[in-house]
Amino acid sequence: RQQLYSGVVAKWGARILLGVSCLAIVVGPLLLVNPVWTNDIVRGGVLLNALILAYLAPVILIGLAARKLSELSEKMLLPALGALCLVLVMTYLTLETNRLFQGPFMVARSLSNGENYAYSAVWLAAALVLFLVGIRLSQKHVRYAGLGVIILVVLKVFLLDMSGLEGLLRIASFIGLGLSLVGIGWLYQRFVQKPAAS
């Protein structure tokens, strides 16, 4: 690009194109053509469907752009791109869970208890994967993203999910959530936190 234009034009042109592309992703799949809002049918099977093209394909493209930005010393844009990727992946997982329960016609209302609890389980599993990937790759931003999603899941479970449970189900949910949080604390202490020098 810099063989054709000056460095300033190439740099700002790339930033503008990237910004317009990200804005199109936010306005398009996340807002205007989200199948939950539009009530459009989701084409394809349970796992291989149009949601992959709308939500996961942009994540791959943003990841490739982020790699190039790192090589070009444009790292100030990476946190925003990472946040957009996290939103896209979590939206994809949520819509896939919705499709599993409701079929190709998805709506935001009339959630069953099973579907509501499935969202919590899927989000918690995604948060654990993010957390473990962040530990494995030594990427603190990925770990923080996982911890942020875990906090949202804990708030959802305590404020929404537990209110509809009674007796043994409520106790089992508390135990399951507690064991997950203890496991995360152990992983953090074992692999992330440096042992104190004696």
C-alpha atoms as a PDB file:
ATOM      1  CA  ARG A   1       0.000   0.000   0.000  1.00  0.00           C
ATOM      2  CA  GLN A   2       2.815   2.413   0.739  1.00  0.00           C
ATOM      3  CA  GLN A   3       4.257   1.880  -2.737  1.00  0.00           C
ATOM      4  CA  LEU A   4       1.142   3.542  -4.183  1.00  0.00           C
ATOM      5  CA  TYR A   5       0.367   6.185  -1.566  1.00  0.00           C
ATOM      6  CA  SER A   6       2.171   8.101   1.123  1.00  0.00           C
ATOM      7  CA  GLY A   7       2.450   6.578   4.575  1.00  0.00           C
ATOM      8  CA  VAL A   8      -0.114   8.980   6.076  1.00  0.00           C
ATOM      9  CA  VAL A   9      -2.735   8.257   3.404  1.00  0.00           C
ATOM     10  CA  ALA A  10      -2.159   4.497   3.676  1.00  0.00           C
ATOM     11  CA  LYS A  11      -2.336   4.540   7.478  1.00  0.00           C
ATOM     12  CA  TRP A  12      -5.504   6.617   7.748  1.00  0.00           C
ATOM     13  CA  GLY A  13      -7.112   4.879   4.792  1.00  0.00           C
ATOM     14  CA  ALA A  14      -6.584   1.520   6.496  1.00  0.00           C
ATOM     15  CA  ARG A  15      -7.988   2.858   9.766  1.00  0.00           C
ATOM     16  CA  ILE A  16     -11.068   4.275   8.055  1.00  0.00           C
ATOM     17  CA  LEU A  17     -11.735   1.062   6.106  1.00  0.00           C
ATOM     18  CA  LEU A  18     -11.339  -1.021   9.248  1.00  0.00           C
ATOM     19  CA  GLY A  19     -13.632   1.313  11.203  1.00  0.00           C
ATOM     20  CA  VAL A  20     -16.326   1.252   8.502  1.00  0.00           C
ATOM     21  CA  SER A  21     -16.104  -2.552   8.323  1.00  0.00           C
ATOM     22  CA  CYS A  22     -16.491  -2.929  12.091  1.00  0.00           C
ATOM     23  CA  LEU A  23     -19.403  -0.471  12.091  1.00  0.00           C
ATOM     24  CA  ALA A  24     -21.078  -2.508   9.344  1.00  0.00           C
ATOM     25  CA  ILE A  25     -20.660  -5.661  11.450  1.00  0.00           C
ATOM     26  CA  VAL A  26     -22.188  -3.990  14.517  1.00  0.00           C
ATOM     27  CA  VAL A  27     -25.086  -2.388  12.635  1.00  0.00           C
ATOM     28  CA  GLY A  28     -25.734  -5.418  10.400  1.00  0.00           C
ATOM     29  CA  PRO A  29     -25.586  -8.824  12.137  1.00  0.00           C
ATOM     30  CA  LEU A  30     -25.753  -7.539  15.700  1.00  0.00           C
ATOM     31  CA  LEU A  31     -28.594  -5.039  15.297  1.00  0.00           C
ATOM     32  CA  LEU A  32     -30.526  -4.809  12.031  1.00  0.00           C
ATOM     33  CA  VAL A  33     -30.471  -8.384  10.694  1.00  0.00           C
ATOM     34  CA  ASN A  34     -30.264 -10.264  13.987  1.00  0.00           C
ATOM     35  CA  PRO A  35     -32.738 -13.166  13.545  1.00  0.00           C
ATOM     36  CA  VAL A  36     -34.132 -12.668  17.047  1.00  0.00           C
ATOM     37  CA  TRP A  37     -35.282  -9.128  16.174  1.00  0.00           C
ATOM     38  CA  THR A  38     -36.313  -9.777  12.556  1.00  0.00           C
ATOM     39  CA  ASN A  39     -37.933 -13.218  13.138  1.00  0.00           C
ATOM     40  CA  ASP A  40     -36.302 -14.398   9.892  1.00  0.00           C
ATOM     41  CA  ILE A  41     -35.699 -18.101   9.412  1.00  0.00           C
ATOM     42  CA  VAL A  42     -32.128 -19.284  10.037  1.00  0.00           C
ATOM     43  CA  ARG A  43     -31.118 -21.364   7.014  1.00  0.00           C
ATOM     44  CA  GLY A  44     -29.144 -24.569   7.470  1.00  0.00           C
ATOM     45  CA  GLY A  45     -28.884 -27.299  10.064  1.00  0.00           C
ATOM     46  CA  VAL A  46     -28.564 -27.142  13.807  1.00  0.00           C
ATOM     47  CA  LEU A  47     -24.809 -26.430  13.822  1.00  0.00           C
ATOM     48  CA  LEU A  48     -23.931 -25.651  10.192  1.00  0.00           C
ATOM     49  CA  ASN A  49     -26.146 -22.696   9.388  1.00  0.00           C
ATOM     50  CA  ALA A  50     -26.160 -19.043   8.372  1.00  0.00           C
ATOM     51  CA  LEU A  51     -25.151 -17.931  11.886  1.00  0.00           C
ATOM     52  CA  ILE A  52     -21.596 -19.084  11.169  1.00  0.00           C
ATOM     53  CA  LEU A  53     -21.308 -16.712   8.216  1.00  0.00           C
ATOM     54  CA  ALA A  54     -22.901 -13.818  10.070  1.00  0.00           C
ATOM     55  CA  TYR A  55     -21.016 -14.089  13.382  1.00  0.00           C
ATOM     56  CA  LEU A  56     -17.980 -16.403  13.211  1.00  0.00           C
ATOM     57  CA  ALA A  57     -16.638 -15.487   9.758  1.00  0.00           C
ATOM     58  CA  PRO A  58     -16.186 -11.816  10.791  1.00  0.00           C
ATOM     59  CA  VAL A  59     -14.257 -12.986  13.871  1.00  0.00           C
ATOM     60  CA  ILE A  60     -11.768 -14.811  11.631  1.00  0.00           C
ATOM     61  CA  LEU A  61     -11.407 -11.772   9.372  1.00  0.00           C
ATOM     62  CA  ILE A  62     -10.970  -9.428  12.338  1.00  0.00           C
ATOM     63  CA  GLY A  63      -8.342 -11.809  13.737  1.00  0.00           C
ATOM     64  CA  LEU A  64      -6.409 -11.658  10.473  1.00  0.00           C
ATOM     65  CA  ALA A  65      -6.645  -7.852  10.456  1.00  0.00           C
ATOM     66  CA  ALA A  66      -5.466  -7.749  14.088  1.00  0.00           C
ATOM     67  CA  ARG A  67      -2.400  -9.816  13.208  1.00  0.00           C
ATOM     68  CA  LYS A  68      -1.509  -7.402  10.448  1.00  0.00           C
ATOM     69  CA  LEU A  69      -2.090  -4.434  12.772  1.00  0.00           C
ATOM     70  CA  SER A  70       0.369  -5.937  15.263  1.00  0.00           C
ATOM     71  CA  GLU A  71       2.980  -6.233  12.530  1.00  0.00           C
ATOM     72  CA  LEU A  72       2.381  -2.608  11.487  1.00  0.00           C
ATOM     73  CA  SER A  73       2.697  -1.228  15.038  1.00  0.00           C
ATOM     74  CA  GLU A  74      -1.005  -0.270  15.178  1.00  0.00           C
ATOM     75  CA  LYS A  75      -1.648  -1.977  18.507  1.00  0.00           C
ATOM     76  CA  MET A  76      -3.889   0.771  19.905  1.00  0.00           C
ATOM     77  CA  LEU A  77      -6.823  -0.625  17.897  1.00  0.00           C
ATOM     78  CA  LEU A  78      -6.440  -4.184  19.186  1.00  0.00           C
ATOM     79  CA  PRO A  79      -8.529  -3.864  22.409  1.00  0.00           C
ATOM     80  CA  ALA A  80     -11.550  -2.582  20.465  1.00  0.00           C
ATOM     81  CA  LEU A  81     -11.209  -5.368  17.887  1.00  0.00           C
ATOM     82  CA  GLY A  82     -10.871  -7.939  20.665  1.00  0.00           C
ATOM     83  CA  ALA A  83     -14.027  -6.643  22.369  1.00  0.00           C
ATOM     84  CA  LEU A  84     -15.937  -6.843  19.066  1.00  0.00           C
ATOM     85  CA  CYS A  85     -14.739 -10.425  18.544  1.00  0.00           C
ATOM     86  CA  LEU A  86     -15.866 -11.354  22.061  1.00  0.00           C
ATOM     87  CA  VAL A  87     -19.322  -9.837  21.448  1.00  0.00           C
ATOM     88  CA  LEU A  88     -19.637 -11.683  18.118  1.00  0.00           C
ATOM     89  CA  VAL A  89     -18.607 -15.054  19.576  1.00  0.00           C
ATOM     90  CA  MET A  90     -20.923 -14.714  22.579  1.00  0.00           C
ATOM     91  CA  THR A  91     -23.786 -13.631  20.298  1.00  0.00           C
ATOM     92  CA  TYR A  92     -23.124 -16.644  18.083  1.00  0.00           C
ATOM     93  CA  LEU A  93     -23.170 -19.045  21.053  1.00  0.00           C
ATOM     94  CA  THR A  94     -26.356 -17.445  22.381  1.00  0.00           C
ATOM     95  CA  LEU A  95     -28.133 -17.655  19.019  1.00  0.00           C
ATOM     96  CA  GLU A  96     -26.997 -21.258  18.470  1.00  0.00           C
ATOM     97  CA  THR A  97     -28.410 -22.164  21.892  1.00  0.00           C
ATOM     98  CA  ASN A  98     -31.599 -20.323  20.990  1.00  0.00           C
ATOM     99  CA  ARG A  99     -31.817 -22.215  17.686  1.00  0.00           C
ATOM    100  CA  LEU A 100     -31.280 -25.526  19.442  1.00  0.00           C
ATOM    101  CA  PHE A 101     -34.311 -24.899  21.649  1.00  0.00           C
ATOM    102  CA  GLN A 102     -36.597 -22.966  19.286  1.00  0.00           C
ATOM    103  CA  GLY A 103     -35.688 -24.211  15.831  1.00  0.00           C
ATOM    104  CA  PRO A 104     -35.043 -22.022  12.784  1.00  0.00           C
ATOM    105  CA  PHE A 105     -37.581 -19.368  13.882  1.00  0.00           C
ATOM    106  CA  MET A 106     -36.093 -17.636  16.923  1.00  0.00           C
ATOM    107  CA  VAL A 107     -37.731 -15.180  19.278  1.00  0.00           C
ATOM    108  CA  ALA A 108     -36.445 -13.326  22.323  1.00  0.00           C
ATOM    109  CA  ARG A 109     -39.556 -13.886  24.409  1.00  0.00           C
ATOM    110  CA  SER A 110     -41.128 -17.040  25.872  1.00  0.00           C
ATOM    111  CA  LEU A 111     -37.920 -18.623  27.164  1.00  0.00           C
ATOM    112  CA  SER A 112     -38.334 -21.977  28.855  1.00  0.00           C
ATOM    113  CA  ASN A 113     -36.481 -22.722  32.086  1.00  0.00           C
ATOM    114  CA  GLY A 114     -34.280 -25.232  30.265  1.00  0.00           C
ATOM    115  CA  GLU A 115     -33.297 -22.668  27.637  1.00  0.00           C
ATOM    116  CA  ASN A 116     -32.595 -20.034  30.272  1.00  0.00           C
ATOM    117  CA  TYR A 117     -30.301 -22.400  32.217  1.00  0.00           C
ATOM    118  CA  ALA A 118     -28.662 -23.548  28.973  1.00  0.00           C
ATOM    119  CA  TYR A 119     -27.572 -19.966  28.283  1.00  0.00           C
ATOM    120  CA  SER A 120     -25.852 -19.859  31.678  1.00  0.00           C
ATOM    121  CA  ALA A 121     -24.119 -23.188  31.058  1.00  0.00           C
ATOM    122  CA  VAL A 122     -22.972 -22.240  27.531  1.00  0.00           C
ATOM    123  CA  TRP A 123     -21.714 -18.828  28.652  1.00  0.00           C
ATOM    124  CA  LEU A 124     -19.867 -20.374  31.611  1.00  0.00           C
ATOM    125  CA  ALA A 125     -18.250 -22.976  29.329  1.00  0.00           C
ATOM    126  CA  ALA A 126     -17.213 -20.212  26.882  1.00  0.00           C
ATOM    127  CA  ALA A 127     -15.776 -18.157  29.741  1.00  0.00           C
ATOM    128  CA  LEU A 128     -13.759 -21.145  30.977  1.00  0.00           C
ATOM    129  CA  VAL A 129     -12.418 -21.764  27.465  1.00  0.00           C
ATOM    130  CA  LEU A 130     -11.411 -18.090  27.178  1.00  0.00           C
ATOM    131  CA  PHE A 131      -9.766 -18.228  30.582  1.00  0.00           C
ATOM    132  CA  LEU A 132      -7.830 -21.419  29.764  1.00  0.00           C
ATOM    133  CA  VAL A 133      -6.763 -20.095  26.341  1.00  0.00           C
ATOM    134  CA  GLY A 134      -5.564 -16.899  28.028  1.00  0.00           C
ATOM    135  CA  ILE A 135      -3.507 -18.958  30.483  1.00  0.00           C
ATOM    136  CA  ARG A 136      -2.111 -21.207  27.744  1.00  0.00           C
ATOM    137  CA  LEU A 137      -1.128 -18.324  25.452  1.00  0.00           C
ATOM    138  CA  SER A 138      -0.066 -16.033  28.321  1.00  0.00           C
ATOM    139  CA  GLN A 139      -2.489 -13.379  27.077  1.00  0.00           C
ATOM    140  CA  LYS A 140      -3.844 -11.397  29.997  1.00  0.00           C
ATOM    141  CA  HIS A 141      -6.518  -9.654  27.872  1.00  0.00           C
ATOM    142  CA  VAL A 142      -8.018 -13.012  26.910  1.00  0.00           C
ATOM    143  CA  ARG A 143      -7.958 -14.093  30.572  1.00  0.00           C
ATOM    144  CA  TYR A 144      -9.647 -10.842  31.577  1.00  0.00           C
ATOM    145  CA  ALA A 145     -12.306 -11.369  28.911  1.00  0.00           C
ATOM    146  CA  GLY A 146     -12.985 -14.833  30.345  1.00  0.00           C
ATOM    147  CA  LEU A 147     -13.185 -13.439  33.871  1.00  0.00           C
ATOM    148  CA  GLY A 148     -15.548 -10.691  32.684  1.00  0.00           C
ATOM    149  CA  VAL A 149     -17.908 -13.230  31.127  1.00  0.00           C
ATOM    150  CA  ILE A 150     -17.734 -15.325  34.319  1.00  0.00           C
ATOM    151  CA  ILE A 151     -18.796 -12.283  36.356  1.00  0.00           C
ATOM    152  CA  LEU A 152     -21.762 -11.726  34.013  1.00  0.00           C
ATOM    153  CA  VAL A 153     -22.748 -15.401  34.303  1.00  0.00           C
ATOM    154  CA  VAL A 154     -22.548 -15.294  38.108  1.00  0.00           C
ATOM    155  CA  LEU A 155     -24.740 -12.175  38.177  1.00  0.00           C
ATOM    156  CA  LYS A 156     -27.255 -13.799  35.813  1.00  0.00           C
ATOM    157  CA  VAL A 157     -27.376 -16.982  37.874  1.00  0.00           C
ATOM    158  CA  PHE A 158     -27.842 -15.193  41.187  1.00  0.00           C
ATOM    159  CA  LEU A 159     -30.252 -12.511  39.983  1.00  0.00           C
ATOM    160  CA  LEU A 160     -32.349 -14.423  37.438  1.00  0.00           C
ATOM    161  CA  ASP A 161     -31.842 -18.185  37.434  1.00  0.00           C
ATOM    162  CA  MET A 162     -31.948 -18.775  41.207  1.00  0.00           C
ATOM    163  CA  SER A 163     -35.148 -16.797  41.650  1.00  0.00           C
ATOM    164  CA  GLY A 164     -37.153 -19.509  39.907  1.00  0.00           C
ATOM    165  CA  LEU A 165     -35.590 -22.456  41.741  1.00  0.00           C
ATOM    166  CA  GLU A 166     -36.544 -23.989  45.056  1.00  0.00           C
ATOM    167  CA  GLY A 167     -35.303 -26.755  47.298  1.00  0.00           C
ATOM    168  CA  LEU A 168     -32.759 -29.232  45.998  1.00  0.00           C
ATOM    169  CA  LEU A 169     -32.435 -27.602  42.568  1.00  0.00           C
ATOM    170  CA  ARG A 170     -31.399 -24.310  44.143  1.00  0.00           C
ATOM    171  CA  ILE A 171     -28.870 -26.104  46.364  1.00  0.00           C
ATOM    172  CA  ALA A 172     -27.467 -28.049  43.396  1.00  0.00           C
ATOM    173  CA  SER A 173     -27.121 -24.818  41.396  1.00  0.00           C
ATOM    174  CA  PHE A 174     -25.279 -23.113  44.241  1.00  0.00           C
ATOM    175  CA  ILE A 175     -22.939 -26.087  44.597  1.00  0.00           C
ATOM    176  CA  GLY A 176     -22.252 -26.262  40.855  1.00  0.00           C
ATOM    177  CA  LEU A 177     -21.572 -22.538  40.604  1.00  0.00           C
ATOM    178  CA  GLY A 178     -19.430 -22.617  43.741  1.00  0.00           C
ATOM    179  CA  LEU A 179     -17.328 -25.514  42.443  1.00  0.00           C
ATOM    180  CA  SER A 180     -16.811 -23.689  39.143  1.00  0.00           C
ATOM    181  CA  LEU A 181     -15.615 -20.560  40.945  1.00  0.00           C
ATOM    182  CA  VAL A 182     -13.315 -22.572  43.236  1.00  0.00           C
ATOM    183  CA  GLY A 183     -11.858 -24.322  40.175  1.00  0.00           C
ATOM    184  CA  ILE A 184     -11.260 -20.988  38.451  1.00  0.00           C
ATOM    185  CA  GLY A 185      -9.567 -19.632  41.577  1.00  0.00           C
ATOM    186  CA  TRP A 186      -7.338 -22.704  41.735  1.00  0.00           C
ATOM    187  CA  LEU A 187      -6.394 -22.374  38.045  1.00  0.00           C
ATOM    188  CA  TYR A 188      -5.612 -18.707  38.482  1.00  0.00           C
ATOM    189  CA  GLN A 189      -3.459 -19.331  41.550  1.00  0.00           C
ATOM    190  CA  ARG A 190      -1.715 -22.343  40.002  1.00  0.00           C
ATOM    191  CA  PHE A 191      -0.942 -21.037  36.529  1.00  0.00           C
ATOM    192  CA  VAL A 192      -1.228 -17.247  36.564  1.00  0.00           C
ATOM    193  CA  GLN A 193      -0.267 -15.874  39.948  1.00  0.00           C
ATOM    194  CA  LYS A 194       3.445 -15.988  40.611  1.00  0.00           C
ATOM    195  CA  PRO A 195       4.408 -17.875  43.774  1.00  0.00           C
ATOM    196  CA  ALA A 196       5.757 -15.620  46.477  1.00  0.00           C
ATOM    197  CA  ALA A 197       9.509 -15.728  46.884  1.00  0.00           C
ATOM    198  CA  SER A 198      10.519 -17.324  50.193  1.00  0.00           C
END
